[in-house]
Protein backbone atom coordinates (compact mmCIF):
# COMPACT_ATOMS: atom_id res chain seq x y z
CA MET A 1 -0.16 0.38 -0.03
CA ARG A 2 1.44 3.43 -0.73
CA SER A 3 1.52 6.26 1.60
CA ILE A 4 -0.38 9.49 0.90
CA ASP A 5 1.91 12.70 0.89
CA SER A 6 -0.06 15.31 -1.60
CA ALA A 7 -3.09 16.40 -2.47
CA ALA A 8 -2.51 14.57 -5.41
CA ASP A 9 -2.87 11.37 -4.23
CA MET A 10 -5.96 11.75 -2.33
CA GLU A 11 -7.51 12.86 -5.53
CA ASP A 12 -6.20 9.90 -6.80
CA LEU A 13 -7.83 7.82 -3.88
CA LYS A 14 -10.93 8.97 -5.00
CA LYS A 15 -11.09 7.45 -8.56
CA GLU A 16 -12.90 4.20 -8.97
CA LYS A 17 -10.84 0.91 -8.29
CA ILE A 18 -10.82 -1.43 -12.28
CA SER A 19 -10.83 -5.11 -11.80
CA ILE A 20 -10.47 -6.68 -15.49
CA ILE A 21 -11.50 -10.68 -15.84
CA ILE A 22 -10.20 -12.53 -18.45
CA PRO A 23 -10.81 -15.77 -19.26
CA THR A 24 -8.27 -18.00 -21.03
CA LEU A 25 -7.72 -21.17 -22.42
CA ASN A 26 -4.81 -21.55 -24.44
CA GLU A 27 -4.16 -18.00 -25.68
CA ALA A 28 -0.40 -17.44 -25.26
CA GLU A 29 0.03 -16.25 -28.62
CA ASN A 30 -2.88 -13.71 -28.25
CA LEU A 31 -1.98 -12.20 -24.57
CA PRO A 32 1.20 -10.41 -25.39
CA PHE A 33 -1.03 -7.72 -27.37
CA VAL A 34 -3.90 -7.82 -25.12
CA PHE A 35 -2.02 -7.17 -21.84
CA GLY A 36 -0.08 -4.98 -23.94
CA ASP A 37 -3.41 -2.80 -25.07
CA ILE A 38 -4.32 -2.85 -21.50
CA LEU A 39 -1.70 -1.46 -19.82
CA ARG A 40 -1.18 1.21 -22.55
CA VAL A 41 -4.54 2.56 -21.94
CA MET A 42 -4.65 1.99 -18.38
CA LYS A 43 -1.50 3.78 -17.23
CA ASN A 44 -2.39 6.60 -19.12
CA SER A 45 -5.86 6.84 -17.52
CA ASP A 46 -6.80 8.66 -14.76
CA TYR A 47 -7.50 5.15 -12.85
CA PRO A 48 -4.21 4.43 -10.58
CA TRP A 49 -5.17 1.66 -9.30
CA PHE A 50 -6.22 -1.52 -11.35
CA GLU A 51 -5.83 -5.12 -11.80
CA ILE A 52 -5.95 -7.80 -14.61
CA LEU A 53 -7.22 -11.48 -13.20
CA VAL A 54 -6.56 -14.29 -15.69
CA ILE A 55 -8.90 -17.42 -14.76
CA ASP A 56 -7.47 -20.07 -16.81
CA GLY A 57 -9.46 -22.96 -17.68
CA GLY A 58 -6.25 -26.02 -17.81
CA SER A 59 -4.06 -23.98 -20.52
CA LYS A 60 -1.38 -26.60 -21.75
CA ASP A 61 0.62 -23.42 -23.84
CA ARG A 62 2.63 -20.61 -21.83
CA THR A 63 -0.46 -18.62 -21.33
CA VAL A 64 -0.15 -18.84 -17.49
CA GLU A 65 3.61 -17.90 -17.60
CA THR A 66 2.79 -14.94 -20.01
CA SER A 67 0.22 -13.80 -17.72
CA LYS A 68 2.69 -13.46 -14.48
CA LYS A 69 5.03 -11.70 -16.52
CA PHE A 70 2.63 -8.99 -17.18
CA GLY A 71 1.64 -8.97 -13.62
CA ALA A 72 -1.90 -10.49 -13.77
CA LYS A 73 -3.32 -12.36 -11.52
CA VAL A 74 -3.81 -15.92 -12.73
CA VAL A 75 -6.58 -18.08 -10.99
CA ARG A 76 -6.63 -21.56 -12.18
CA HIS A 77 -10.55 -22.56 -12.71
CA GLU A 78 -11.18 -25.54 -14.99
CA GLY A 79 -15.13 -24.93 -16.30
CA GLY A 80 -16.99 -22.89 -19.23
CA LYS A 81 -16.77 -19.49 -19.39
CA GLY A 82 -19.71 -18.52 -17.72
CA SER A 83 -18.15 -20.94 -14.90
CA ALA A 84 -14.82 -18.64 -14.99
CA LEU A 85 -16.55 -15.45 -14.53
CA ARG A 86 -18.34 -16.18 -11.58
CA ARG A 87 -15.01 -17.01 -10.48
CA GLY A 88 -13.74 -14.37 -11.69
CA MET A 89 -16.02 -11.82 -9.91
CA GLU A 90 -15.63 -13.45 -6.81
CA GLU A 91 -11.82 -12.85 -7.02
CA ALA A 92 -12.17 -8.89 -8.43
CA GLU A 93 -11.67 -6.30 -6.01
CA GLY A 94 -12.17 -3.27 -7.94
CA ASP A 95 -15.50 -1.14 -7.79
CA ILE A 96 -15.58 -1.44 -10.86
CA ILE A 97 -15.57 -5.02 -12.48
CA ILE A 98 -14.65 -5.10 -16.57
CA THR A 99 -14.98 -8.65 -18.28
CA MET A 100 -13.43 -8.94 -21.84
CA ASP A 101 -12.15 -11.46 -24.30
CA ALA A 102 -8.34 -13.16 -24.38
CA ASP A 103 -8.08 -13.00 -28.50
CA CYS A 104 -7.31 -9.15 -29.43
CA SER A 105 -11.17 -8.89 -30.55
CA ASN A 106 -11.57 -6.04 -28.27
CA VAL A 107 -10.89 -3.11 -28.75
CA ALA A 108 -8.86 -1.82 -25.37
CA GLU A 109 -9.75 1.95 -25.33
CA GLU A 110 -12.96 1.09 -25.22
CA ILE A 111 -12.26 0.24 -21.48
CA LEU A 112 -12.55 3.97 -20.75
CA LEU A 113 -16.12 3.79 -22.28
CA LEU A 114 -17.53 0.98 -20.38
CA ILE A 115 -15.94 2.69 -17.11
CA LYS A 116 -17.72 5.90 -17.80
CA GLY A 117 -21.29 4.12 -18.58
CA ILE A 118 -20.88 2.62 -14.92
CA GLU A 119 -19.36 6.33 -13.38
CA ASP A 120 -22.63 7.81 -15.04
CA GLY A 121 -25.12 6.35 -12.74
CA HIS A 122 -25.82 2.87 -14.54
CA ASP A 123 -25.48 -0.59 -12.87
CA VAL A 124 -24.38 -2.72 -15.90
CA CYS A 125 -22.61 -1.11 -18.78
CA MET A 126 -23.05 -3.42 -22.28
CA GLY A 127 -20.95 -3.02 -25.36
CA SER A 128 -22.89 -3.82 -28.70
CA ARG A 129 -21.63 -4.70 -32.16
CA PHE A 130 -24.86 -3.73 -33.31
CA MET A 131 -25.89 -0.28 -32.70
CA PRO A 132 -25.34 2.30 -34.09
CA GLY A 133 -21.38 3.38 -34.36
CA GLY A 134 -21.00 -0.54 -33.54
CA LYS A 135 -19.24 -2.94 -35.99
CA SER A 136 -17.91 -6.56 -35.93
CA ASP A 137 -15.28 -8.06 -38.90
CA ASP A 138 -15.73 -11.33 -36.93
CA ILE A 139 -19.16 -12.74 -37.18
CA SER A 140 -20.67 -14.91 -39.49
CA LEU A 141 -24.15 -14.52 -41.35
CA ILE A 142 -25.56 -17.64 -39.27
CA ARG A 143 -24.02 -16.09 -35.81
CA LYS A 144 -25.53 -12.39 -36.76
CA THR A 145 -28.75 -14.12 -37.54
CA GLY A 146 -28.63 -16.17 -34.39
CA ASN A 147 -27.95 -13.03 -32.15
CA LYS A 148 -30.71 -10.91 -33.61
CA PHE A 149 -33.41 -13.88 -32.71
CA PHE A 150 -32.39 -14.31 -29.66
CA VAL A 151 -32.41 -10.25 -28.65
CA SER A 152 -35.73 -10.43 -30.23
CA LEU A 153 -36.83 -13.27 -27.80
CA VAL A 154 -35.39 -11.38 -24.61
CA ASN A 155 -36.74 -7.88 -25.92
CA PHE A 156 -40.39 -9.54 -26.05
CA PHE A 157 -40.21 -11.50 -23.09
CA TRP A 158 -37.95 -8.81 -20.35
CA LYS A 159 -39.45 -5.86 -22.19
CA THR A 160 -35.84 -4.42 -22.76
CA ASN A 161 -34.28 -2.73 -25.71
CA TYR A 162 -31.37 -4.60 -26.19
CA THR A 163 -29.19 -4.97 -29.32
CA ASP A 164 -26.61 -7.27 -28.56
CA LEU A 165 -27.18 -10.38 -26.55
CA CYS A 166 -24.09 -12.45 -26.72
CA TYR A 167 -21.39 -10.27 -26.78
CA GLY A 168 -18.71 -10.02 -23.26
CA TYR A 169 -17.25 -6.90 -23.56
CA ARG A 170 -18.82 -5.08 -20.18
CA SER A 171 -18.54 -3.67 -17.35
CA PHE A 172 -20.16 -3.75 -13.49
CA ARG A 173 -20.88 -1.95 -10.67
CA ARG A 174 -19.57 -3.73 -7.89
CA SER A 175 -23.11 -3.60 -5.48
CA CYS A 176 -24.88 -5.09 -8.47
CA ILE A 177 -23.13 -8.41 -8.74
CA SER A 178 -24.62 -9.85 -5.84
CA LYS A 179 -27.88 -9.59 -7.82
CA LEU A 180 -26.57 -11.42 -11.11
CA LYS A 181 -26.74 -15.07 -9.48
CA THR A 182 -25.49 -17.11 -12.60
CA SER A 183 -25.51 -20.74 -13.10
CA THR A 184 -25.27 -20.45 -16.74
CA ASP A 185 -21.22 -22.42 -17.25
CA GLY A 186 -20.91 -21.89 -20.73
CA PHE A 187 -20.94 -19.14 -23.93
CA GLY A 188 -24.90 -18.60 -22.84
CA ILE A 189 -23.74 -16.76 -19.53
CA GLU A 190 -24.05 -13.48 -21.16
CA THR A 191 -27.32 -13.73 -22.33
CA GLU A 192 -27.88 -14.93 -18.63
CA ILE A 193 -26.71 -11.90 -17.31
CA ALA A 194 -28.69 -9.60 -19.59
CA ILE A 195 -31.80 -11.30 -18.67
CA LEU A 196 -31.42 -11.38 -14.59
CA ALA A 197 -30.14 -7.51 -15.24
CA ALA A 198 -33.78 -6.91 -16.37
CA ARG A 199 -35.69 -9.04 -13.88
CA ASN A 200 -33.55 -7.25 -11.10
CA LYS A 201 -34.57 -3.86 -12.82
CA LEU A 202 -30.82 -2.88 -12.86
CA ASN A 203 -29.62 0.25 -14.35
CA VAL A 204 -28.19 -1.03 -17.93
CA ILE A 205 -27.12 1.07 -20.69
CA GLU A 206 -25.04 -0.27 -23.98
CA ILE A 207 -22.43 1.39 -25.83
CA PRO A 208 -21.17 1.06 -29.08
CA SER A 209 -18.12 -1.07 -29.86
CA PHE A 210 -16.36 -2.54 -32.67
CA GLU A 211 -15.27 -6.37 -32.63
CA LYS A 212 -12.16 -7.23 -34.15
CA LYS A 213 -10.92 -10.59 -35.71
CA ARG A 214 -8.94 -13.06 -33.60
CA ARG A 215 -5.52 -12.66 -33.98
CA HIS A 216 -4.05 -16.08 -33.53
CA GLY A 217 -5.64 -19.59 -33.08
CA SER A 218 -9.24 -20.39 -33.75
CA GLY A 219 -12.36 -19.82 -31.16
CA LYS A 220 -14.04 -21.62 -28.77
CA LEU A 221 -17.50 -21.19 -29.35
CA ARG A 222 -19.15 -23.92 -31.54
CA THR A 223 -22.37 -21.58 -33.41
CA LEU A 224 -24.60 -24.85 -33.52
CA ARG A 225 -23.50 -26.24 -29.76
CA ASP A 226 -23.71 -22.80 -28.34
CA GLY A 227 -27.02 -21.13 -30.40
CA HIS A 228 -28.70 -24.61 -28.38
CA ILE A 229 -27.39 -23.83 -25.11
CA ILE A 230 -28.03 -20.02 -25.28
CA LEU A 231 -32.10 -21.08 -26.17
CA MET A 232 -32.34 -23.63 -23.64
CA THR A 233 -30.85 -20.48 -21.14
CA ILE A 234 -33.83 -18.15 -22.57
CA ILE A 235 -36.37 -20.96 -22.17
CA ARG A 236 -34.94 -22.46 -18.54
CA GLU A 237 -34.95 -17.98 -17.30
CA LEU A 238 -38.78 -17.23 -19.07
CA PHE A 239 -39.97 -20.50 -16.34
CA ARG A 240 -37.70 -20.13 -13.60
CA LYS A 241 -39.83 -18.54 -10.58
């Protein structure tokens, strides 16, 4: 813990603490670029306290070693993406929690927009590839169509106005995490969070986001398998009392 030596130090302590959660599985080739961008953005920001939490699902490459080299805290936790995010939120110490991917698809500068969404009074701030100003260079027609279908279902049943549902670049106010009691272990986690936020009447905002192509390796998402999981998540939540 650093000492308080000046009025500037006192002012810094008023800034929100930021936790960035990154689930990983064999992403050693991508992580130097991901960490480099995060550190560049955060070290030039107004947020002197931040942490990077890597929740690793049993990588066989140098993901863990690379993460530690860049100063990230690594938690070993074998399970799906949803399980990893829950564990990350349990471990996070920040006032604002950000979730992002390890494949270089997220633009690091958008971290500051996600922080601002929470500081402006919202509980959850969700990146959207499909609202005006958003874009994706890494989504197939079938995935785009499926996302639109799932969005329409959630908007109809929960009276929301989401434009994107299956995108994990998001931020959360720590105090609202207890209301997001998720149970999905896989890629349905983003959908479940969006539904739980609506059910618990959390203040949610979307911001436009640009999704880049994965830099190295192949993605873990499988369109038909994970599309079925997302649909089952919606149906389960629809009948949950």
